[in-house]
Amino acid sequence: MSNVEMCKEALNGLVKETHHKNVLKYILNNGSITSFESFEKLKNTRLSASIYVLRYTYNLPIGMEMCTSENGKRYGRYYIEKGETNDNR
């Protein structure tokens, strides 16, 4: 099962509309998310907390890369890691 398929399966298992469910949906639909996008689009001011829940509660392969803006500020961009999972769910 690919990592994206595993994340879609986990999304289907989340019943309540929560910040971490909305973050996962956003990543699946847009490829990645930053804290600015999280606040602007989802009204979520605690993206790192949502990512923590996705990684450690649902065991999802969420990666992060550091980026630098045009004015030199650094920020993280979260995404679903490419590849396959060995998880037999």
PDB file of N, CA and C in Angstrom:
ATOM      1  N   MET A   1       0.850  -1.166   0.000  1.00  0.00           N
ATOM      2  CA  MET A   1       0.000   0.000   0.000  1.00  0.00           C
ATOM      3  C   MET A   1       0.900   1.235   0.000  1.00  0.00           C
ATOM      4  N   SER A   2       0.590   2.201  -0.843  1.00  0.00           N
ATOM      5  CA  SER A   2       1.399   3.416  -0.884  1.00  0.00           C
ATOM      6  C   SER A   2       1.088   4.285   0.335  1.00  0.00           C
ATOM      7  N   ASN A   3       2.005   5.191   0.640  1.00  0.00           N
ATOM      8  CA  ASN A   3       1.799   6.092   1.769  1.00  0.00           C
ATOM      9  C   ASN A   3       0.564   6.960   1.576  1.00  0.00           C
ATOM     10  N   VAL A   4       0.312   7.404   0.351  1.00  0.00           N
ATOM     11  CA  VAL A   4      -0.866   8.221   0.075  1.00  0.00           C
ATOM     12  C   VAL A   4      -2.136   7.412   0.305  1.00  0.00           C
ATOM     13  N   GLU A   5      -2.155   6.168  -0.155  1.00  0.00           N
ATOM     14  CA  GLU A   5      -3.321   5.307   0.071  1.00  0.00           C
ATOM     15  C   GLU A   5      -3.550   5.084   1.559  1.00  0.00           C
ATOM     16  N   MET A   6      -2.467   4.888   2.309  1.00  0.00           N
ATOM     17  CA  MET A   6      -2.583   4.691   3.744  1.00  0.00           C
ATOM     18  C   MET A   6      -3.176   5.939   4.414  1.00  0.00           C
ATOM     19  N   CYS A   7      -2.768   7.125   3.966  1.00  0.00           N
ATOM     20  CA  CYS A   7      -3.297   8.364   4.530  1.00  0.00           C
ATOM     21  C   CYS A   7      -4.766   8.546   4.174  1.00  0.00           C
ATOM     22  N   LYS A   8      -5.142   8.184   2.957  1.00  0.00           N
ATOM     23  CA  LYS A   8      -6.553   8.273   2.568  1.00  0.00           C
ATOM     24  C   LYS A   8      -7.406   7.318   3.394  1.00  0.00           C
ATOM     25  N   GLU A   9      -6.872   6.138   3.672  1.00  0.00           N
ATOM     26  CA  GLU A   9      -7.584   5.165   4.497  1.00  0.00           C
ATOM     27  C   GLU A   9      -7.757   5.704   5.921  1.00  0.00           C
ATOM     28  N   ALA A  10      -6.720   6.309   6.446  1.00  0.00           N
ATOM     29  CA  ALA A  10      -6.799   6.895   7.788  1.00  0.00           C
ATOM     30  C   ALA A  10      -7.810   8.036   7.823  1.00  0.00           C
ATOM     31  N   LEU A  11      -7.846   8.850   6.759  1.00  0.00           N
ATOM     32  CA  LEU A  11      -8.793   9.958   6.679  1.00  0.00           C
ATOM     33  C   LEU A  11     -10.224   9.441   6.728  1.00  0.00           C
ATOM     34  N   ASN A  12     -10.493   8.356   6.042  1.00  0.00           N
ATOM     35  CA  ASN A  12     -11.835   7.772   6.051  1.00  0.00           C
ATOM     36  C   ASN A  12     -12.223   7.264   7.431  1.00  0.00           C
ATOM     37  N   GLY A  13     -11.245   6.906   8.247  1.00  0.00           N
ATOM     38  CA  GLY A  13     -11.519   6.415   9.587  1.00  0.00           C
ATOM     39  C   GLY A  13     -11.763   7.520  10.611  1.00  0.00           C
ATOM     40  N   LEU A  14     -11.394   8.760  10.252  1.00  0.00           N
ATOM     41  CA  LEU A  14     -11.604   9.884  11.172  1.00  0.00           C
ATOM     42  C   LEU A  14     -13.029  10.396  11.007  1.00  0.00           C
ATOM     43  N   VAL A  15     -13.818  10.299  12.062  1.00  0.00           N
ATOM     44  CA  VAL A  15     -15.239  10.632  11.974  1.00  0.00           C
ATOM     45  C   VAL A  15     -15.480  12.121  12.196  1.00  0.00           C
ATOM     46  N   LYS A  16     -14.970  12.662  13.311  1.00  0.00           N
ATOM     47  CA  LYS A  16     -15.206  14.061  13.641  1.00  0.00           C
ATOM     48  C   LYS A  16     -14.361  14.983  12.770  1.00  0.00           C
ATOM     49  N   GLU A  17     -14.901  16.175  12.495  1.00  0.00           N
ATOM     50  CA  GLU A  17     -14.124  17.209  11.819  1.00  0.00           C
ATOM     51  C   GLU A  17     -13.206  17.839  12.850  1.00  0.00           C
ATOM     52  N   THR A  18     -11.935  17.518  12.793  1.00  0.00           N
ATOM     53  CA  THR A  18     -10.952  18.052  13.722  1.00  0.00           C
ATOM     54  C   THR A  18      -9.876  18.778  12.934  1.00  0.00           C
ATOM     55  N   HIS A  19      -9.034  19.536  13.653  1.00  0.00           N
ATOM     56  CA  HIS A  19      -7.942  20.221  12.971  1.00  0.00           C
ATOM     57  C   HIS A  19      -7.043  19.230  12.245  1.00  0.00           C
ATOM     58  N   HIS A  20      -6.719  18.109  12.904  1.00  0.00           N
ATOM     59  CA  HIS A  20      -5.794  17.182  12.236  1.00  0.00           C
ATOM     60  C   HIS A  20      -6.443  16.501  11.032  1.00  0.00           C
ATOM     61  N   LYS A  21      -7.749  16.283  11.067  1.00  0.00           N
ATOM     62  CA  LYS A  21      -8.429  15.720   9.887  1.00  0.00           C
ATOM     63  C   LYS A  21      -8.400  16.740   8.745  1.00  0.00           C
ATOM     64  N   ASN A  22      -8.659  18.008   9.056  1.00  0.00           N
ATOM     65  CA  ASN A  22      -8.636  19.049   8.024  1.00  0.00           C
ATOM     66  C   ASN A  22      -7.235  19.240   7.446  1.00  0.00           C
ATOM     67  N   VAL A  23      -6.211  19.126   8.296  1.00  0.00           N
ATOM     68  CA  VAL A  23      -4.827  19.233   7.821  1.00  0.00           C
ATOM     69  C   VAL A  23      -4.516  18.085   6.869  1.00  0.00           C
ATOM     70  N   LEU A  24      -4.896  16.862   7.236  1.00  0.00           N
ATOM     71  CA  LEU A  24      -4.643  15.704   6.377  1.00  0.00           C
ATOM     72  C   LEU A  24      -5.365  15.849   5.042  1.00  0.00           C
ATOM     73  N   LYS A  25      -6.617  16.296   5.069  1.00  0.00           N
ATOM     74  CA  LYS A  25      -7.360  16.522   3.821  1.00  0.00           C
ATOM     75  C   LYS A  25      -6.648  17.548   2.952  1.00  0.00           C
ATOM     76  N   TYR A  26      -6.181  18.634   3.570  1.00  0.00           N
ATOM     77  CA  TYR A  26      -5.499  19.692   2.829  1.00  0.00           C
ATOM     78  C   TYR A  26      -4.225  19.160   2.173  1.00  0.00           C
ATOM     79  N   ILE A  27      -3.442  18.389   2.924  1.00  0.00           N
ATOM     80  CA  ILE A  27      -2.207  17.831   2.361  1.00  0.00           C
ATOM     81  C   ILE A  27      -2.521  16.888   1.201  1.00  0.00           C
ATOM     82  N   LEU A  28      -3.531  16.032   1.360  1.00  0.00           N
ATOM     83  CA  LEU A  28      -3.890  15.103   0.290  1.00  0.00           C
ATOM     84  C   LEU A  28      -4.361  15.840  -0.962  1.00  0.00           C
ATOM     85  N   ASN A  29      -5.089  16.934  -0.794  1.00  0.00           N
ATOM     86  CA  ASN A  29      -5.616  17.685  -1.935  1.00  0.00           C
ATOM     87  C   ASN A  29      -4.596  18.624  -2.570  1.00  0.00           C
ATOM     88  N   ASN A  30      -3.639  19.134  -1.767  1.00  0.00           N
ATOM     89  CA  ASN A  30      -2.726  20.164  -2.262  1.00  0.00           C
ATOM     90  C   ASN A  30      -1.264  19.746  -2.282  1.00  0.00           C
ATOM     91  N   GLY A  31      -0.947  18.588  -1.737  1.00  0.00           N
ATOM     92  CA  GLY A  31       0.428  18.100  -1.770  1.00  0.00           C
ATOM     93  C   GLY A  31       1.263  18.455  -0.560  1.00  0.00           C
ATOM     94  N   SER A  32       0.987  19.598   0.074  1.00  0.00           N
ATOM     95  CA  SER A  32       1.753  20.015   1.249  1.00  0.00           C
ATOM     96  C   SER A  32       1.007  21.145   1.954  1.00  0.00           C
ATOM     97  N   ILE A  33       1.540  21.529   3.130  1.00  0.00           N
ATOM     98  CA  ILE A  33       0.942  22.632   3.882  1.00  0.00           C
ATOM     99  C   ILE A  33       2.027  23.330   4.695  1.00  0.00           C
ATOM    100  N   THR A  34       1.881  24.641   4.848  1.00  0.00           N
ATOM    101  CA  THR A  34       2.757  25.435   5.712  1.00  0.00           C
ATOM    102  C   THR A  34       1.905  26.002   6.846  1.00  0.00           C
ATOM    103  N   SER A  35       2.550  26.548   7.862  1.00  0.00           N
ATOM    104  CA  SER A  35       1.795  27.123   8.971  1.00  0.00           C
ATOM    105  C   SER A  35       0.957  28.312   8.511  1.00  0.00           C
ATOM    106  N   PHE A  36       1.457  29.085   7.551  1.00  0.00           N
ATOM    107  CA  PHE A  36       0.693  30.215   7.023  1.00  0.00           C
ATOM    108  C   PHE A  36      -0.573  29.718   6.316  1.00  0.00           C
ATOM    109  N   GLU A  37      -0.432  28.688   5.482  1.00  0.00           N
ATOM    110  CA  GLU A  37      -1.600  28.121   4.799  1.00  0.00           C
ATOM    111  C   GLU A  37      -2.590  27.535   5.803  1.00  0.00           C
ATOM    112  N   SER A  38      -2.058  26.894   6.830  1.00  0.00           N
ATOM    113  CA  SER A  38      -2.906  26.299   7.856  1.00  0.00           C
ATOM    114  C   SER A  38      -3.761  27.363   8.540  1.00  0.00           C
ATOM    115  N   PHE A  39      -3.144  28.486   8.866  1.00  0.00           N
ATOM    116  CA  PHE A  39      -3.882  29.570   9.510  1.00  0.00           C
ATOM    117  C   PHE A  39      -4.845  30.241   8.541  1.00  0.00           C
ATOM    118  N   GLU A  40      -4.353  30.547   7.346  1.00  0.00           N
ATOM    119  CA  GLU A  40      -5.160  31.280   6.364  1.00  0.00           C
ATOM    120  C   GLU A  40      -6.341  30.457   5.840  1.00  0.00           C
ATOM    121  N   LYS A  41      -6.107  29.202   5.499  1.00  0.00           N
ATOM    122  CA  LYS A  41      -7.150  28.379   4.864  1.00  0.00           C
ATOM    123  C   LYS A  41      -7.993  27.594   5.866  1.00  0.00           C
ATOM    124  N   LEU A  42      -7.366  27.127   6.968  1.00  0.00           N
ATOM    125  CA  LEU A  42      -8.047  26.226   7.892  1.00  0.00           C
ATOM    126  C   LEU A  42      -8.335  26.851   9.253  1.00  0.00           C
ATOM    127  N   LYS A  43      -7.830  28.063   9.480  1.00  0.00           N
ATOM    128  CA  LYS A  43      -7.967  28.743  10.779  1.00  0.00           C
ATOM    129  C   LYS A  43      -7.347  27.923  11.903  1.00  0.00           C
ATOM    130  N   ASN A  44      -6.309  27.175  11.575  1.00  0.00           N
ATOM    131  CA  ASN A  44      -5.594  26.335  12.532  1.00  0.00           C
ATOM    132  C   ASN A  44      -4.289  27.040  12.889  1.00  0.00           C
ATOM    133  N   THR A  45      -4.176  27.478  14.138  1.00  0.00           N
ATOM    134  CA  THR A  45      -2.968  28.182  14.571  1.00  0.00           C
ATOM    135  C   THR A  45      -1.915  27.240  15.134  1.00  0.00           C
ATOM    136  N   ARG A  46      -2.229  25.953  15.246  1.00  0.00           N
ATOM    137  CA  ARG A  46      -1.303  24.987  15.844  1.00  0.00           C
ATOM    138  C   ARG A  46      -1.027  23.821  14.893  1.00  0.00           C
ATOM    139  N   LEU A  47      -0.485  24.139  13.734  1.00  0.00           N
ATOM    140  CA  LEU A  47      -0.206  23.113  12.731  1.00  0.00           C
ATOM    141  C   LEU A  47       0.716  22.035  13.280  1.00  0.00           C
ATOM    142  N   SER A  48       1.754  22.419  14.000  1.00  0.00           N
ATOM    143  CA  SER A  48       2.701  21.411  14.489  1.00  0.00           C
ATOM    144  C   SER A  48       2.024  20.413  15.427  1.00  0.00           C
ATOM    145  N   ALA A  49       1.040  20.851  16.198  1.00  0.00           N
ATOM    146  CA  ALA A  49       0.303  19.928  17.078  1.00  0.00           C
ATOM    147  C   ALA A  49      -0.514  18.944  16.245  1.00  0.00           C
ATOM    148  N   SER A  50      -1.135  19.429  15.171  1.00  0.00           N
ATOM    149  CA  SER A  50      -1.904  18.545  14.290  1.00  0.00           C
ATOM    150  C   SER A  50      -1.001  17.532  13.603  1.00  0.00           C
ATOM    151  N   ILE A  51       0.175  17.980  13.166  1.00  0.00           N
ATOM    152  CA  ILE A  51       1.140  17.084  12.527  1.00  0.00           C
ATOM    153  C   ILE A  51       1.607  16.029  13.533  1.00  0.00           C
ATOM    154  N   TYR A  52       1.837  16.430  14.773  1.00  0.00           N
ATOM    155  CA  TYR A  52       2.248  15.489  15.821  1.00  0.00           C
ATOM    156  C   TYR A  52       1.201  14.383  15.984  1.00  0.00           C
ATOM    157  N   VAL A  53      -0.082  14.763  16.043  1.00  0.00           N
ATOM    158  CA  VAL A  53      -1.159  13.776  16.184  1.00  0.00           C
ATOM    159  C   VAL A  53      -1.171  12.834  14.981  1.00  0.00           C
ATOM    160  N   LEU A  54      -1.038  13.373  13.777  1.00  0.00           N
ATOM    161  CA  LEU A  54      -1.048  12.532  12.577  1.00  0.00           C
ATOM    162  C   LEU A  54       0.129  11.558  12.569  1.00  0.00           C
ATOM    163  N   ARG A  55       1.295  12.029  12.986  1.00  0.00           N
ATOM    164  CA  ARG A  55       2.493  11.182  12.980  1.00  0.00           C
ATOM    165  C   ARG A  55       2.450  10.112  14.066  1.00  0.00           C
ATOM    166  N   TYR A  56       2.112  10.502  15.298  1.00  0.00           N
ATOM    167  CA  TYR A  56       2.314   9.613  16.430  1.00  0.00           C
ATOM    168  C   TYR A  56       1.054   8.914  16.927  1.00  0.00           C
ATOM    169  N   THR A  57      -0.110   9.461  16.645  1.00  0.00           N
ATOM    170  CA  THR A  57      -1.344   8.773  17.025  1.00  0.00           C
ATOM    171  C   THR A  57      -1.805   7.865  15.896  1.00  0.00           C
ATOM    172  N   TYR A  58      -1.735   8.371  14.655  1.00  0.00           N
ATOM    173  CA  TYR A  58      -2.201   7.602  13.497  1.00  0.00           C
ATOM    174  C   TYR A  58      -1.053   6.969  12.718  1.00  0.00           C
ATOM    175  N   ASN A  59       0.195   7.221  13.134  1.00  0.00           N
ATOM    176  CA  ASN A  59       1.376   6.617  12.527  1.00  0.00           C
ATOM    177  C   ASN A  59       1.467   6.890  11.020  1.00  0.00           C
ATOM    178  N   LEU A  60       1.175   8.129  10.639  1.00  0.00           N
ATOM    179  CA  LEU A  60       1.206   8.494   9.218  1.00  0.00           C
ATOM    180  C   LEU A  60       2.571   9.069   8.858  1.00  0.00           C
ATOM    181  N   PRO A  61       3.043   8.778   7.638  1.00  0.00           N
ATOM    182  CA  PRO A  61       4.376   9.220   7.206  1.00  0.00           C
ATOM    183  C   PRO A  61       4.368  10.676   6.722  1.00  0.00           C
ATOM    184  N   ILE A  62       4.324  11.599   7.660  1.00  0.00           N
ATOM    185  CA  ILE A  62       4.326  13.026   7.327  1.00  0.00           C
ATOM    186  C   ILE A  62       5.758  13.530   7.442  1.00  0.00           C
ATOM    187  N   GLY A  63       6.279  14.067   6.344  1.00  0.00           N
ATOM    188  CA  GLY A  63       7.633  14.606   6.337  1.00  0.00           C
ATOM    189  C   GLY A  63       7.607  16.122   6.395  1.00  0.00           C
ATOM    190  N   MET A  64       8.787  16.734   6.620  1.00  0.00           N
ATOM    191  CA  MET A  64       8.887  18.182   6.664  1.00  0.00           C
ATOM    192  C   MET A  64      10.184  18.628   6.015  1.00  0.00           C
ATOM    193  N   GLU A  65      10.104  19.676   5.221  1.00  0.00           N
ATOM    194  CA  GLU A  65      11.305  20.272   4.654  1.00  0.00           C
ATOM    195  C   GLU A  65      11.337  21.738   5.054  1.00  0.00           C
ATOM    196  N   MET A  66      12.530  22.230   5.333  1.00  0.00           N
ATOM    197  CA  MET A  66      12.689  23.639   5.668  1.00  0.00           C
ATOM    198  C   MET A  66      12.827  24.432   4.371  1.00  0.00           C
ATOM    199  N   CYS A  67      12.098  25.542   4.289  1.00  0.00           N
ATOM    200  CA  CYS A  67      12.121  26.412   3.122  1.00  0.00           C
ATOM    201  C   CYS A  67      12.538  27.808   3.567  1.00  0.00           C
ATOM    202  N   THR A  68      12.967  28.621   2.626  1.00  0.00           N
ATOM    203  CA  THR A  68      13.334  30.000   2.908  1.00  0.00           C
ATOM    204  C   THR A  68      12.531  30.912   1.987  1.00  0.00           C
ATOM    205  N   SER A  69      11.872  31.905   2.576  1.00  0.00           N
ATOM    206  CA  SER A  69      11.060  32.839   1.786  1.00  0.00           C
ATOM    207  C   SER A  69      11.963  33.841   1.083  1.00  0.00           C
ATOM    208  N   GLU A  70      11.360  34.659   0.232  1.00  0.00           N
ATOM    209  CA  GLU A  70      12.123  35.656  -0.518  1.00  0.00           C
ATOM    210  C   GLU A  70      12.808  36.664   0.396  1.00  0.00           C
ATOM    211  N   ASN A  71      12.207  36.911   1.584  1.00  0.00           N
ATOM    212  CA  ASN A  71      12.811  37.871   2.511  1.00  0.00           C
ATOM    213  C   ASN A  71      13.742  37.202   3.528  1.00  0.00           C
ATOM    214  N   GLY A  72      14.074  35.931   3.320  1.00  0.00           N
ATOM    215  CA  GLY A  72      15.047  35.240   4.150  1.00  0.00           C
ATOM    216  C   GLY A  72      14.487  34.516   5.361  1.00  0.00           C
ATOM    217  N   LYS A  73      13.180  34.555   5.571  1.00  0.00           N
ATOM    218  CA  LYS A  73      12.567  33.860   6.710  1.00  0.00           C
ATOM    219  C   LYS A  73      12.449  32.376   6.393  1.00  0.00           C
ATOM    220  N   ARG A  74      12.687  31.539   7.415  1.00  0.00           N
ATOM    221  CA  ARG A  74      12.612  30.082   7.236  1.00  0.00           C
ATOM    222  C   ARG A  74      11.284  29.568   7.787  1.00  0.00           C
ATOM    223  N   TYR A  75      10.757  28.556   7.125  1.00  0.00           N
ATOM    224  CA  TYR A  75       9.502  27.949   7.551  1.00  0.00           C
ATOM    225  C   TYR A  75       9.483  26.493   7.108  1.00  0.00           C
ATOM    226  N   GLY A  76       8.617  25.704   7.739  1.00  0.00           N
ATOM    227  CA  GLY A  76       8.508  24.293   7.406  1.00  0.00           C
ATOM    228  C   GLY A  76       7.341  24.022   6.472  1.00  0.00           C
ATOM    229  N   ARG A  77       7.541  23.103   5.557  1.00  0.00           N
ATOM    230  CA  ARG A  77       6.484  22.644   4.649  1.00  0.00           C
ATOM    231  C   ARG A  77       6.303  21.147   4.903  1.00  0.00           C
ATOM    232  N   TYR A  78       5.091  20.760   5.309  1.00  0.00           N
ATOM    233  CA  TYR A  78       4.776  19.363   5.634  1.00  0.00           C
ATOM    234  C   TYR A  78       4.140  18.678   4.429  1.00  0.00           C
ATOM    235  N   TYR A  79       4.453  17.414   4.236  1.00  0.00           N
ATOM    236  CA  TYR A  79       3.975  16.648   3.081  1.00  0.00           C
ATOM    237  C   TYR A  79       3.906  15.167   3.449  1.00  0.00           C
ATOM    238  N   ILE A  80       3.256  14.377   2.614  1.00  0.00           N
ATOM    239  CA  ILE A  80       3.232  12.929   2.794  1.00  0.00           C
ATOM    240  C   ILE A  80       4.463  12.366   2.104  1.00  0.00           C
ATOM    241  N   GLU A  81       5.249  11.602   2.859  1.00  0.00           N
ATOM    242  CA  GLU A  81       6.476  11.036   2.304  1.00  0.00           C
ATOM    243  C   GLU A  81       6.152  10.054   1.186  1.00  0.00           C
ATOM    244  N   LYS A  82       6.970  10.070   0.158  1.00  0.00           N
ATOM    245  CA  LYS A  82       6.772   9.164  -0.974  1.00  0.00           C
ATOM    246  C   LYS A  82       7.177   7.748  -0.573  1.00  0.00           C
ATOM    247  N   GLY A  83       6.618   6.783  -1.289  1.00  0.00           N
ATOM    248  CA  GLY A  83       7.027   5.415  -1.062  1.00  0.00           C
ATOM    249  C   GLY A  83       5.901   4.521  -0.607  1.00  0.00           C
ATOM    250  N   GLU A  84       6.301   3.348  -0.230  1.00  0.00           N
ATOM    251  CA  GLU A  84       5.370   2.316   0.221  1.00  0.00           C
ATOM    252  C   GLU A  84       5.528   2.121   1.721  1.00  0.00           C
ATOM    253  N   THR A  85       4.486   1.617   2.328  1.00  0.00           N
ATOM    254  CA  THR A  85       4.539   1.294   3.746  1.00  0.00           C
ATOM    255  C   THR A  85       4.515  -0.219   3.925  1.00  0.00           C
ATOM    256  N   ASN A  86       5.161  -0.687   4.959  1.00  0.00           N
ATOM    257  CA  ASN A  86       5.163  -2.119   5.250  1.00  0.00           C
ATOM    258  C   ASN A  86       4.079  -2.477   6.254  1.00  0.00           C
ATOM    259  N   ASP A  87       3.260  -1.505   6.592  1.00  0.00           N
ATOM    260  CA  ASP A  87       2.207  -1.705   7.583  1.00  0.00           C
ATOM    261  C   ASP A  87       1.102  -2.575   7.012  1.00  0.00           C
ATOM    262  N   ASN A  88       0.762  -3.634   7.697  1.00  0.00           N
ATOM    263  CA  ASN A  88      -0.307  -4.551   7.245  1.00  0.00           C
ATOM    264  C   ASN A  88      -1.586  -4.227   7.980  1.00  0.00           C
ATOM    265  N   ARG A  89      -2.254  -3.189   7.566  1.00  0.00           N
ATOM    266  CA  ARG A  89      -3.506  -2.768   8.232  1.00  0.00           C
ATOM    267  C   ARG A  89      -4.657  -3.553   7.701  1.00  0.00           C
TER     268      ARG A  89
END
